[in-house]
Amino acid sequence: MLNRRILRIKAFKVLYSSILSENVTLAQAESQLELSCEATRDLYIYMLGIVSPLTKIAQDRIESLKAKFNPTEEERNPNMKFAENALAKLLDENEDFQKVFKKKKFDWTQYDLLLKKIMTSIASKDYYAEYMASPERSLAEDCKLFTRIFEEEFVDSEELETLLEEKSLYWNDDLAYALTWCCKTFKGFAQGESWSLLPLYQSEILKGEGVESDKFFVRKLLQAAFAGYERYSAMVAESVSGWEKERLFSTDVVLIVMGLAEVATFPTIPVKVSMNEYVEISKFYGTPKSRSFVNGILDRLVQRLADEGAVKKEGKGLL
């Protein structure tokens, strides 16, 4: 499930919080990393679990309108397409999913007001009207609708982000990634696949000759960056001339340390790949100047490590 970009981000966040706390041990940092990785899969499971509660909101609204003193013809004979969608039924009847969801003690019922607000927003959209007007009734059609809902109602939702941050510190910034996997799951359902708990690391999905363990990668990356932080951060300080001194205590330095640790530790990862990854991450976790700072200093210090013989790559074109 977790690819190397998100694993790098998680290792970076753990290292950054460890440096700020000052007294965190490597063992504690590794434990935080493990919890952070598992939390992303938990969020994926939690968000899949919103399908049935939203469907229940629609069902309750239909029953409420039917119970009116003088319901209209449309209210007496409502369009039941969404209320009877096959996706909610599939998840409700999947024993493996229900077992995992309940084991995690997940529950959406306490967020009834948010669910009603989301359902109202969904019902006002053109894509929903088109879905309801279509005579097609199929799991594929329902999966397509929920993909739109997940993409358009949940991405960049401040209310949802706030709710998730309150439930778990480790869910911060993970929503978009978890939603992507929810949509992949819907696509799989539409193609006849059944639900099973995703392997935590993408390398476990891509099993085969030459596939390196992502779990080993992220753990070793954190260890190398943790152990080399003082040395690498001192190298950054020595390299700074015209840059603001306060930048030495920012996320930028931690990203550079991560980059140096990766370049020096993993002989099969090309230098350019490592450098590009941390430059890209700096766009989201730094300032407008971070990209050029991280790129410039990292490039200079990688060359210094190479000159010192600290960068050894296996194969041509990796340095």
C-alpha atoms as a PDB file:
ATOM      1  CA  MET A   1       0.000   0.000   0.000  1.00  0.00           C
ATOM      2  CA  LEU A   2       2.602   2.556   1.073  1.00  0.00           C
ATOM      3  CA  ASN A   3       4.943   3.657  -1.688  1.00  0.00           C
ATOM      4  CA  ARG A   4       8.421   5.056  -1.151  1.00  0.00           C
ATOM      5  CA  ARG A   5       7.375   8.707  -1.494  1.00  0.00           C
ATOM      6  CA  ILE A   6       5.006   8.480   1.458  1.00  0.00           C
ATOM      7  CA  LEU A   7       7.526   6.360   3.385  1.00  0.00           C
ATOM      8  CA  ARG A   8      10.148   9.078   2.935  1.00  0.00           C
ATOM      9  CA  ILE A   9       7.641  11.648   4.198  1.00  0.00           C
ATOM     10  CA  LYS A  10       6.845   9.539   7.241  1.00  0.00           C
ATOM     11  CA  ALA A  11      10.526   9.035   8.082  1.00  0.00           C
ATOM     12  CA  PHE A  12      11.101  12.781   7.620  1.00  0.00           C
ATOM     13  CA  LYS A  13       8.224  13.672   9.970  1.00  0.00           C
ATOM     14  CA  VAL A  14       9.429  11.256  12.641  1.00  0.00           C
ATOM     15  CA  LEU A  15      12.998  12.569  12.428  1.00  0.00           C
ATOM     16  CA  TYR A  16      11.800  16.184  12.532  1.00  0.00           C
ATOM     17  CA  SER A  17       9.627  15.602  15.627  1.00  0.00           C
ATOM     18  CA  SER A  18      12.469  13.666  17.261  1.00  0.00           C
ATOM     19  CA  ILE A  19      14.890  16.545  16.739  1.00  0.00           C
ATOM     20  CA  LEU A  20      12.380  19.028  18.164  1.00  0.00           C
ATOM     21  CA  SER A  21      11.801  16.826  21.212  1.00  0.00           C
ATOM     22  CA  GLU A  22      15.563  16.391  21.696  1.00  0.00           C
ATOM     23  CA  ASN A  23      15.319  13.422  24.074  1.00  0.00           C
ATOM     24  CA  VAL A  24      13.738  10.857  21.742  1.00  0.00           C
ATOM     25  CA  THR A  25      15.687   7.616  21.367  1.00  0.00           C
ATOM     26  CA  LEU A  26      16.094   5.711  18.125  1.00  0.00           C
ATOM     27  CA  ALA A  27      13.880   2.923  19.486  1.00  0.00           C
ATOM     28  CA  GLN A  28      11.132   5.436  20.237  1.00  0.00           C
ATOM     29  CA  ALA A  29      11.485   6.983  16.785  1.00  0.00           C
ATOM     30  CA  GLU A  30      11.232   3.552  15.154  1.00  0.00           C
ATOM     31  CA  SER A  31       8.094   2.839  17.158  1.00  0.00           C
ATOM     32  CA  GLN A  32       6.553   6.136  16.002  1.00  0.00           C
ATOM     33  CA  LEU A  33       7.426   5.288  12.416  1.00  0.00           C
ATOM     34  CA  GLU A  34       5.725   1.912  12.659  1.00  0.00           C
ATOM     35  CA  LEU A  35       2.582   3.481  14.141  1.00  0.00           C
ATOM     36  CA  SER A  36       2.562   6.162  11.455  1.00  0.00           C
ATOM     37  CA  CYS A  37       2.775   3.600   8.658  1.00  0.00           C
ATOM     38  CA  GLU A  38       0.005   1.437  10.092  1.00  0.00           C
ATOM     39  CA  ALA A  39      -2.177   4.532  10.620  1.00  0.00           C
ATOM     40  CA  THR A  40      -2.388   5.222   6.881  1.00  0.00           C
ATOM     41  CA  ARG A  41      -3.913   1.811   6.251  1.00  0.00           C
ATOM     42  CA  ASP A  42      -6.243   2.401   9.193  1.00  0.00           C
ATOM     43  CA  LEU A  43      -7.406   5.640   7.584  1.00  0.00           C
ATOM     44  CA  TYR A  44      -8.076   3.797   4.327  1.00  0.00           C
ATOM     45  CA  ILE A  45     -10.245   1.306   6.231  1.00  0.00           C
ATOM     46  CA  TYR A  46     -12.012   4.083   8.141  1.00  0.00           C
ATOM     47  CA  MET A  47     -12.875   5.977   4.952  1.00  0.00           C
ATOM     48  CA  LEU A  48     -14.195   2.836   3.247  1.00  0.00           C
ATOM     49  CA  GLY A  49     -16.500   2.555   6.225  1.00  0.00           C
ATOM     50  CA  ILE A  50     -18.278   5.820   5.360  1.00  0.00           C
ATOM     51  CA  VAL A  51     -20.125   4.215   2.419  1.00  0.00           C
ATOM     52  CA  SER A  52     -22.788   2.509   4.519  1.00  0.00           C
ATOM     53  CA  PRO A  53     -23.462   5.452   6.889  1.00  0.00           C
ATOM     54  CA  LEU A  54     -24.000   7.763   3.914  1.00  0.00           C
ATOM     55  CA  THR A  55     -26.344   5.206   2.379  1.00  0.00           C
ATOM     56  CA  LYS A  56     -28.230   4.991   5.690  1.00  0.00           C
ATOM     57  CA  ILE A  57     -28.675   8.789   5.711  1.00  0.00           C
ATOM     58  CA  ALA A  58     -30.299   8.566   2.276  1.00  0.00           C
ATOM     59  CA  GLN A  59     -32.547   5.716   3.432  1.00  0.00           C
ATOM     60  CA  ASP A  60     -33.631   7.624   6.541  1.00  0.00           C
ATOM     61  CA  ARG A  61     -34.492  10.710   4.492  1.00  0.00           C
ATOM     62  CA  ILE A  62     -36.665   8.653   2.168  1.00  0.00           C
ATOM     63  CA  GLU A  63     -38.529   7.073   5.084  1.00  0.00           C
ATOM     64  CA  SER A  64     -38.988  10.476   6.713  1.00  0.00           C
ATOM     65  CA  LEU A  65     -40.551  11.923   3.558  1.00  0.00           C
ATOM     66  CA  LYS A  66     -42.831   8.908   3.182  1.00  0.00           C
ATOM     67  CA  ALA A  67     -44.053   9.422   6.745  1.00  0.00           C
ATOM     68  CA  LYS A  68     -45.177  13.004   6.096  1.00  0.00           C
ATOM     69  CA  PHE A  69     -48.855  13.787   6.647  1.00  0.00           C
ATOM     70  CA  ASN A  70     -49.420  14.377   2.955  1.00  0.00           C
ATOM     71  CA  PRO A  71     -46.460  13.099   0.925  1.00  0.00           C
ATOM     72  CA  THR A  72     -46.190  13.874  -2.762  1.00  0.00           C
ATOM     73  CA  GLU A  73     -46.282  11.188  -5.414  1.00  0.00           C
ATOM     74  CA  GLU A  74     -42.494  11.405  -5.746  1.00  0.00           C
ATOM     75  CA  GLU A  75     -42.097  11.069  -1.973  1.00  0.00           C
ATOM     76  CA  ARG A  76     -44.396   8.008  -1.898  1.00  0.00           C
ATOM     77  CA  ASN A  77     -42.511   6.396  -4.771  1.00  0.00           C
ATOM     78  CA  PRO A  78     -38.942   7.661  -4.454  1.00  0.00           C
ATOM     79  CA  ASN A  79     -35.944   6.824  -6.602  1.00  0.00           C
ATOM     80  CA  MET A  80     -34.221   4.149  -4.501  1.00  0.00           C
ATOM     81  CA  LYS A  81     -31.107   3.797  -6.655  1.00  0.00           C
ATOM     82  CA  PHE A  82     -28.633   5.373  -4.213  1.00  0.00           C
ATOM     83  CA  ALA A  83     -30.407   4.081  -1.088  1.00  0.00           C
ATOM     84  CA  GLU A  84     -30.107   0.538  -2.461  1.00  0.00           C
ATOM     85  CA  ASN A  85     -26.613   0.871  -3.939  1.00  0.00           C
ATOM     86  CA  ALA A  86     -24.730  -2.398  -4.261  1.00  0.00           C
ATOM     87  CA  LEU A  87     -21.458  -1.050  -2.877  1.00  0.00           C
ATOM     88  CA  ALA A  88     -22.832  -0.488   0.628  1.00  0.00           C
ATOM     89  CA  LYS A  89     -24.353  -3.962   0.574  1.00  0.00           C
ATOM     90  CA  LEU A  90     -21.085  -5.499  -0.589  1.00  0.00           C
ATOM     91  CA  LEU A  91     -19.114  -3.893   2.256  1.00  0.00           C
ATOM     92  CA  ASP A  92     -21.812  -4.679   4.827  1.00  0.00           C
ATOM     93  CA  GLU A  93     -21.761  -8.349   3.854  1.00  0.00           C
ATOM     94  CA  ASN A  94     -17.991  -8.705   3.560  1.00  0.00           C
ATOM     95  CA  GLU A  95     -16.988 -10.544   6.730  1.00  0.00           C
ATOM     96  CA  ASP A  96     -13.297  -9.708   6.397  1.00  0.00           C
ATOM     97  CA  PHE A  97     -13.952  -5.976   6.095  1.00  0.00           C
ATOM     98  CA  GLN A  98     -16.475  -5.914   8.927  1.00  0.00           C
ATOM     99  CA  LYS A  99     -14.137  -7.892  11.166  1.00  0.00           C
ATOM    100  CA  VAL A 100     -11.241  -5.466  10.602  1.00  0.00           C
ATOM    101  CA  PHE A 101     -13.469  -2.370  10.907  1.00  0.00           C
ATOM    102  CA  LYS A 102     -14.930  -3.553  14.219  1.00  0.00           C
ATOM    103  CA  LYS A 103     -11.559  -4.724  15.529  1.00  0.00           C
ATOM    104  CA  LYS A 104     -10.267  -1.182  15.033  1.00  0.00           C
ATOM    105  CA  LYS A 105     -13.338   0.069  16.966  1.00  0.00           C
ATOM    106  CA  PHE A 106     -14.183   2.440  14.139  1.00  0.00           C
ATOM    107  CA  ASP A 107     -17.602   4.091  14.096  1.00  0.00           C
ATOM    108  CA  TRP A 108     -19.201   6.900  12.065  1.00  0.00           C
ATOM    109  CA  THR A 109     -22.476   7.198  14.019  1.00  0.00           C
ATOM    110  CA  GLN A 110     -21.200   9.956  16.299  1.00  0.00           C
ATOM    111  CA  TYR A 111     -20.619  12.179  13.256  1.00  0.00           C
ATOM    112  CA  ASP A 112     -24.230  12.179  12.124  1.00  0.00           C
ATOM    113  CA  LEU A 113     -24.324  15.936  11.491  1.00  0.00           C
ATOM    114  CA  LEU A 114     -21.273  15.804   9.214  1.00  0.00           C
ATOM    115  CA  LEU A 115     -22.678  12.803   7.333  1.00  0.00           C
ATOM    116  CA  LYS A 116     -25.965  14.638   6.738  1.00  0.00           C
ATOM    117  CA  LYS A 117     -24.086  17.693   5.498  1.00  0.00           C
ATOM    118  CA  ILE A 118     -22.025  15.544   3.124  1.00  0.00           C
ATOM    119  CA  MET A 119     -25.145  13.786   1.817  1.00  0.00           C
ATOM    120  CA  THR A 120     -26.845  17.137   1.219  1.00  0.00           C
ATOM    121  CA  SER A 121     -23.811  18.303  -0.742  1.00  0.00           C
ATOM    122  CA  ILE A 122     -23.744  15.086  -2.791  1.00  0.00           C
ATOM    123  CA  ALA A 123     -27.453  15.341  -3.614  1.00  0.00           C
ATOM    124  CA  SER A 124     -26.966  18.879  -4.953  1.00  0.00           C
ATOM    125  CA  LYS A 125     -24.333  17.892  -7.521  1.00  0.00           C
ATOM    126  CA  ASP A 126     -24.852  17.306 -11.235  1.00  0.00           C
ATOM    127  CA  TYR A 127     -22.935  14.014 -11.154  1.00  0.00           C
ATOM    128  CA  TYR A 128     -25.416  12.696  -8.574  1.00  0.00           C
ATOM    129  CA  ALA A 129     -28.412  13.826 -10.626  1.00  0.00           C
ATOM    130  CA  GLU A 130     -26.975  12.056 -13.677  1.00  0.00           C
ATOM    131  CA  TYR A 131     -26.430   8.889 -11.640  1.00  0.00           C
ATOM    132  CA  MET A 132     -29.972   8.935 -10.285  1.00  0.00           C
ATOM    133  CA  ALA A 133     -31.456   9.594 -13.743  1.00  0.00           C
ATOM    134  CA  SER A 134     -29.606   6.706 -15.363  1.00  0.00           C
ATOM    135  CA  PRO A 135     -31.621   3.463 -15.569  1.00  0.00           C
ATOM    136  CA  GLU A 136     -28.467   1.383 -15.128  1.00  0.00           C
ATOM    137  CA  ARG A 137     -28.230  -0.447 -11.845  1.00  0.00           C
ATOM    138  CA  SER A 138     -24.935  -2.189 -11.257  1.00  0.00           C
ATOM    139  CA  LEU A 139     -22.082  -2.446  -8.811  1.00  0.00           C
ATOM    140  CA  ALA A 140     -19.827  -0.810 -11.399  1.00  0.00           C
ATOM    141  CA  GLU A 141     -22.183   2.192 -11.653  1.00  0.00           C
ATOM    142  CA  ASP A 142     -22.294   2.521  -7.857  1.00  0.00           C
ATOM    143  CA  CYS A 143     -18.517   2.256  -7.572  1.00  0.00           C
ATOM    144  CA  LYS A 144     -18.150   4.966 -10.196  1.00  0.00           C
ATOM    145  CA  LEU A 145     -20.447   7.253  -8.189  1.00  0.00           C
ATOM    146  CA  PHE A 146     -18.595   6.708  -4.926  1.00  0.00           C
ATOM    147  CA  THR A 147     -15.307   7.385  -6.659  1.00  0.00           C
ATOM    148  CA  ARG A 148     -16.694  10.804  -7.624  1.00  0.00           C
ATOM    149  CA  ILE A 149     -17.920  11.337  -4.073  1.00  0.00           C
ATOM    150  CA  PHE A 150     -14.538  10.475  -2.569  1.00  0.00           C
ATOM    151  CA  GLU A 151     -12.718  12.703  -5.043  1.00  0.00           C
ATOM    152  CA  GLU A 152     -15.041  15.697  -4.906  1.00  0.00           C
ATOM    153  CA  GLU A 153     -16.512  15.694  -1.398  1.00  0.00           C
ATOM    154  CA  PHE A 154     -13.604  14.514   0.743  1.00  0.00           C
ATOM    155  CA  VAL A 155     -10.433  15.865  -0.865  1.00  0.00           C
ATOM    156  CA  ASP A 156      -9.659  19.320   0.614  1.00  0.00           C
ATOM    157  CA  SER A 157     -12.599  19.070   3.047  1.00  0.00           C
ATOM    158  CA  GLU A 158     -11.563  21.131   6.074  1.00  0.00           C
ATOM    159  CA  GLU A 159     -14.281  19.641   8.286  1.00  0.00           C
ATOM    160  CA  LEU A 160     -13.222  16.115   7.471  1.00  0.00           C
ATOM    161  CA  GLU A 161      -9.541  16.959   7.942  1.00  0.00           C
ATOM    162  CA  THR A 162     -10.314  18.430  11.379  1.00  0.00           C
ATOM    163  CA  LEU A 163     -12.295  15.340  12.384  1.00  0.00           C
ATOM    164  CA  LEU A 164      -9.493  13.029  11.311  1.00  0.00           C
ATOM    165  CA  GLU A 165      -6.793  15.061  13.071  1.00  0.00           C
ATOM    166  CA  GLU A 166      -8.823  14.825  16.286  1.00  0.00           C
ATOM    167  CA  LYS A 167      -9.080  11.050  15.939  1.00  0.00           C
ATOM    168  CA  SER A 168      -5.399  10.415  15.202  1.00  0.00           C
ATOM    169  CA  LEU A 169      -2.247  12.507  15.167  1.00  0.00           C
ATOM    170  CA  TYR A 170      -0.879  10.138  12.553  1.00  0.00           C
ATOM    171  CA  TRP A 171      -3.693  10.858  10.083  1.00  0.00           C
ATOM    172  CA  ASN A 172      -2.472  14.378   9.372  1.00  0.00           C
ATOM    173  CA  ASP A 173      -1.745  14.773   5.618  1.00  0.00           C
ATOM    174  CA  ASP A 174      -2.642  11.144   4.838  1.00  0.00           C
ATOM    175  CA  LEU A 175      -6.218  11.654   3.616  1.00  0.00           C
ATOM    176  CA  ALA A 176      -5.508  12.125  -0.093  1.00  0.00           C
ATOM    177  CA  TYR A 177      -3.338   9.002  -0.191  1.00  0.00           C
ATOM    178  CA  ALA A 178      -5.924   6.912   1.672  1.00  0.00           C
ATOM    179  CA  LEU A 179      -8.713   8.142  -0.619  1.00  0.00           C
ATOM    180  CA  THR A 180      -6.662   7.147  -3.667  1.00  0.00           C
ATOM    181  CA  TRP A 181      -6.552   3.590  -2.368  1.00  0.00           C
ATOM    182  CA  CYS A 182     -10.265   3.644  -1.594  1.00  0.00           C
ATOM    183  CA  CYS A 183     -10.925   4.569  -5.231  1.00  0.00           C
ATOM    184  CA  LYS A 184      -8.578   1.794  -6.384  1.00  0.00           C
ATOM    185  CA  THR A 185     -10.594  -0.596  -4.236  1.00  0.00           C
ATOM    186  CA  PHE A 186     -13.846   0.581  -5.862  1.00  0.00           C
ATOM    187  CA  LYS A 187     -12.306  -0.024  -9.279  1.00  0.00           C
ATOM    188  CA  GLY A 188     -11.377  -3.530  -8.185  1.00  0.00           C
ATOM    189  CA  PHE A 189     -14.923  -4.196  -6.943  1.00  0.00           C
ATOM    190  CA  ALA A 190     -16.319  -3.042 -10.294  1.00  0.00           C
ATOM    191  CA  GLN A 191     -14.063  -5.615 -11.979  1.00  0.00           C
ATOM    192  CA  GLY A 192     -15.275  -8.430  -9.752  1.00  0.00           C
ATOM    193  CA  GLU A 193     -12.554  -8.449  -7.114  1.00  0.00           C
ATOM    194  CA  SER A 194     -13.370  -9.106  -3.463  1.00  0.00           C
ATOM    195  CA  TRP A 195     -12.056  -7.113  -0.523  1.00  0.00           C
ATOM    196  CA  SER A 196      -9.054  -8.220   1.471  1.00  0.00           C
ATOM    197  CA  LEU A 197      -6.774  -6.279   3.781  1.00  0.00           C
ATOM    198  CA  LEU A 198      -4.070  -4.580   1.733  1.00  0.00           C
ATOM    199  CA  PRO A 199      -0.436  -5.394   2.518  1.00  0.00           C
ATOM    200  CA  LEU A 200       1.061  -2.443   4.378  1.00  0.00           C
ATOM    201  CA  TYR A 201       3.983  -1.928   2.009  1.00  0.00           C
ATOM    202  CA  GLN A 202       3.811  -1.709  -1.770  1.00  0.00           C
ATOM    203  CA  SER A 203       6.751  -4.086  -2.129  1.00  0.00           C
ATOM    204  CA  GLU A 204       4.534  -6.771  -0.565  1.00  0.00           C
ATOM    205  CA  ILE A 205       2.045  -6.254  -3.395  1.00  0.00           C
ATOM    206  CA  LEU A 206       4.726  -6.265  -6.101  1.00  0.00           C
ATOM    207  CA  LYS A 207       6.331  -9.492  -4.912  1.00  0.00           C
ATOM    208  CA  GLY A 208       8.905 -10.871  -7.258  1.00  0.00           C
ATOM    209  CA  GLU A 209      12.566 -11.142  -8.068  1.00  0.00           C
ATOM    210  CA  GLY A 210      14.402  -7.859  -7.627  1.00  0.00           C
ATOM    211  CA  VAL A 211      11.700  -6.191  -5.495  1.00  0.00           C
ATOM    212  CA  GLU A 212      13.365  -4.750  -2.400  1.00  0.00           C
ATOM    213  CA  SER A 213      11.533  -4.561   0.924  1.00  0.00           C
ATOM    214  CA  ASP A 214       9.959  -1.151   1.563  1.00  0.00           C
ATOM    215  CA  LYS A 215       9.727  -1.948   5.265  1.00  0.00           C
ATOM    216  CA  PHE A 216      13.481  -2.505   5.373  1.00  0.00           C
ATOM    217  CA  PHE A 217      14.026   0.638   3.296  1.00  0.00           C
ATOM    218  CA  VAL A 218      12.125   3.059   5.530  1.00  0.00           C
ATOM    219  CA  ARG A 219      13.462   1.598   8.760  1.00  0.00           C
ATOM    220  CA  LYS A 220      17.063   1.724   7.547  1.00  0.00           C
ATOM    221  CA  LEU A 221      16.511   5.250   6.198  1.00  0.00           C
ATOM    222  CA  LEU A 222      15.333   6.500   9.584  1.00  0.00           C
ATOM    223  CA  GLN A 223      18.205   4.753  11.346  1.00  0.00           C
ATOM    224  CA  ALA A 224      20.782   6.289   9.011  1.00  0.00           C
ATOM    225  CA  ALA A 225      19.314   9.791   9.233  1.00  0.00           C
ATOM    226  CA  PHE A 226      18.934   9.542  13.016  1.00  0.00           C
ATOM    227  CA  ALA A 227      22.506   8.360  13.504  1.00  0.00           C
ATOM    228  CA  GLY A 228      23.988  10.841  11.040  1.00  0.00           C
ATOM    229  CA  TYR A 229      21.950  13.906  11.964  1.00  0.00           C
ATOM    230  CA  GLU A 230      24.664  15.775  13.869  1.00  0.00           C
ATOM    231  CA  ARG A 231      27.252  15.214  11.169  1.00  0.00           C
ATOM    232  CA  TYR A 232      24.980  16.008   8.235  1.00  0.00           C
ATOM    233  CA  SER A 233      23.371  19.065   9.858  1.00  0.00           C
ATOM    234  CA  ALA A 234      26.864  20.382  10.662  1.00  0.00           C
ATOM    235  CA  MET A 235      27.749  19.990   6.989  1.00  0.00           C
ATOM    236  CA  VAL A 236      24.697  22.054   6.088  1.00  0.00           C
ATOM    237  CA  ALA A 237      25.702  24.778   8.551  1.00  0.00           C
ATOM    238  CA  GLU A 238      29.184  24.926   7.052  1.00  0.00           C
ATOM    239  CA  SER A 239      27.717  25.295   3.564  1.00  0.00           C
ATOM    240  CA  VAL A 240      25.395  28.200   4.349  1.00  0.00           C
ATOM    241  CA  SER A 241      26.579  31.640   3.353  1.00  0.00           C
ATOM    242  CA  GLY A 242      23.874  33.965   2.054  1.00  0.00           C
ATOM    243  CA  TRP A 243      20.941  32.014   3.430  1.00  0.00           C
ATOM    244  CA  GLU A 244      19.012  33.053   6.546  1.00  0.00           C
ATOM    245  CA  LYS A 245      20.458  31.448   9.662  1.00  0.00           C
ATOM    246  CA  GLU A 246      16.990  30.509  10.973  1.00  0.00           C
ATOM    247  CA  ARG A 247      16.650  28.172   7.988  1.00  0.00           C
ATOM    248  CA  LEU A 248      19.165  25.912   9.757  1.00  0.00           C
ATOM    249  CA  PHE A 249      16.462  25.030  12.275  1.00  0.00           C
ATOM    250  CA  SER A 250      13.727  24.377   9.749  1.00  0.00           C
ATOM    251  CA  THR A 251      12.290  21.387   7.973  1.00  0.00           C
ATOM    252  CA  ASP A 252      14.705  22.152   5.126  1.00  0.00           C
ATOM    253  CA  VAL A 253      17.710  20.911   7.052  1.00  0.00           C
ATOM    254  CA  VAL A 254      15.925  17.729   8.093  1.00  0.00           C
ATOM    255  CA  LEU A 255      15.063  17.061   4.449  1.00  0.00           C
ATOM    256  CA  ILE A 256      18.684  17.600   3.422  1.00  0.00           C
ATOM    257  CA  VAL A 257      19.840  15.258   6.175  1.00  0.00           C
ATOM    258  CA  MET A 258      17.356  12.656   4.946  1.00  0.00           C
ATOM    259  CA  GLY A 259      18.674  13.047   1.407  1.00  0.00           C
ATOM    260  CA  LEU A 260      22.302  12.689   2.454  1.00  0.00           C
ATOM    261  CA  ALA A 261      21.507   9.657   4.597  1.00  0.00           C
ATOM    262  CA  GLU A 262      19.681   7.971   1.716  1.00  0.00           C
ATOM    263  CA  VAL A 263      22.415   8.687  -0.828  1.00  0.00           C
ATOM    264  CA  ALA A 264      25.082   7.308   1.493  1.00  0.00           C
ATOM    265  CA  THR A 265      23.112   4.275   2.682  1.00  0.00           C
ATOM    266  CA  PHE A 266      21.400   2.725  -0.340  1.00  0.00           C
ATOM    267  CA  PRO A 267      23.778   1.612  -3.102  1.00  0.00           C
ATOM    268  CA  THR A 268      21.015   0.644  -5.556  1.00  0.00           C
ATOM    269  CA  ILE A 269      19.060   3.939  -5.499  1.00  0.00           C
ATOM    270  CA  PRO A 270      20.344   6.482  -8.046  1.00  0.00           C
ATOM    271  CA  VAL A 271      21.582   9.752  -6.560  1.00  0.00           C
ATOM    272  CA  LYS A 272      19.256  11.775  -8.787  1.00  0.00           C
ATOM    273  CA  VAL A 273      16.233   9.820  -7.586  1.00  0.00           C
ATOM    274  CA  SER A 274      17.057  10.502  -3.933  1.00  0.00           C
ATOM    275  CA  MET A 275      17.738  14.180  -4.535  1.00  0.00           C
ATOM    276  CA  ASN A 276      14.600  14.706  -6.614  1.00  0.00           C
ATOM    277  CA  GLU A 277      12.449  13.033  -3.973  1.00  0.00           C
ATOM    278  CA  TYR A 278      13.483  15.398  -1.177  1.00  0.00           C
ATOM    279  CA  VAL A 279      13.305  18.456  -3.407  1.00  0.00           C
ATOM    280  CA  GLU A 280       9.732  17.461  -4.282  1.00  0.00           C
ATOM    281  CA  ILE A 281       8.827  16.882  -0.635  1.00  0.00           C
ATOM    282  CA  SER A 282      10.235  20.310   0.259  1.00  0.00           C
ATOM    283  CA  LYS A 283       7.523  21.915  -1.899  1.00  0.00           C
ATOM    284  CA  PHE A 284       4.892  20.722   0.558  1.00  0.00           C
ATOM    285  CA  TYR A 285       6.723  20.993   3.876  1.00  0.00           C
ATOM    286  CA  GLY A 286       8.844  24.096   3.466  1.00  0.00           C
ATOM    287  CA  THR A 287       8.647  27.711   2.369  1.00  0.00           C
ATOM    288  CA  PRO A 288       8.572  29.142  -1.167  1.00  0.00           C
ATOM    289  CA  LYS A 289      12.383  29.250  -1.012  1.00  0.00           C
ATOM    290  CA  SER A 290      12.786  25.694   0.246  1.00  0.00           C
ATOM    291  CA  ARG A 291      13.002  24.008  -3.129  1.00  0.00           C
ATOM    292  CA  SER A 292      16.023  25.994  -4.298  1.00  0.00           C
ATOM    293  CA  PHE A 293      17.671  25.798  -0.877  1.00  0.00           C
ATOM    294  CA  VAL A 294      17.257  22.031  -0.524  1.00  0.00           C
ATOM    295  CA  ASN A 295      18.263  21.415  -4.132  1.00  0.00           C
ATOM    296  CA  GLY A 296      21.364  23.634  -4.003  1.00  0.00           C
ATOM    297  CA  ILE A 297      22.734  22.473  -0.638  1.00  0.00           C
ATOM    298  CA  LEU A 298      21.902  18.836  -1.244  1.00  0.00           C
ATOM    299  CA  ASP A 299      23.633  18.879  -4.623  1.00  0.00           C
ATOM    300  CA  ARG A 300      26.743  20.439  -3.127  1.00  0.00           C
ATOM    301  CA  LEU A 301      26.929  18.085  -0.135  1.00  0.00           C
ATOM    302  CA  VAL A 302      26.247  14.937  -2.137  1.00  0.00           C
ATOM    303  CA  GLN A 303      29.214  15.840  -4.299  1.00  0.00           C
ATOM    304  CA  ARG A 304      31.284  16.365  -1.161  1.00  0.00           C
ATOM    305  CA  LEU A 305      30.320  12.920   0.153  1.00  0.00           C
ATOM    306  CA  ALA A 306      31.152  11.409  -3.236  1.00  0.00           C
ATOM    307  CA  ASP A 307      34.575  13.065  -3.220  1.00  0.00           C
ATOM    308  CA  GLU A 308      35.166  11.641   0.255  1.00  0.00           C
ATOM    309  CA  GLY A 309      34.265   8.152  -0.977  1.00  0.00           C
ATOM    310  CA  ALA A 310      31.150   7.982   1.226  1.00  0.00           C
ATOM    311  CA  VAL A 311      28.816   7.389  -1.724  1.00  0.00           C
ATOM    312  CA  LYS A 312      29.096   3.947  -3.269  1.00  0.00           C
ATOM    313  CA  LYS A 313      26.608   2.880  -5.917  1.00  0.00           C
ATOM    314  CA  GLU A 314      26.134  -0.513  -7.516  1.00  0.00           C
ATOM    315  CA  GLY A 315      25.871  -0.296 -11.299  1.00  0.00           C
ATOM    316  CA  LYS A 316      26.575   2.373 -13.853  1.00  0.00           C
ATOM    317  CA  GLY A 317      24.717   5.663 -13.969  1.00  0.00           C
ATOM    318  CA  LEU A 318      23.586   5.619 -10.325  1.00  0.00           C
ATOM    319  CA  LEU A 319      26.019   8.250  -9.064  1.00  0.00           C
END
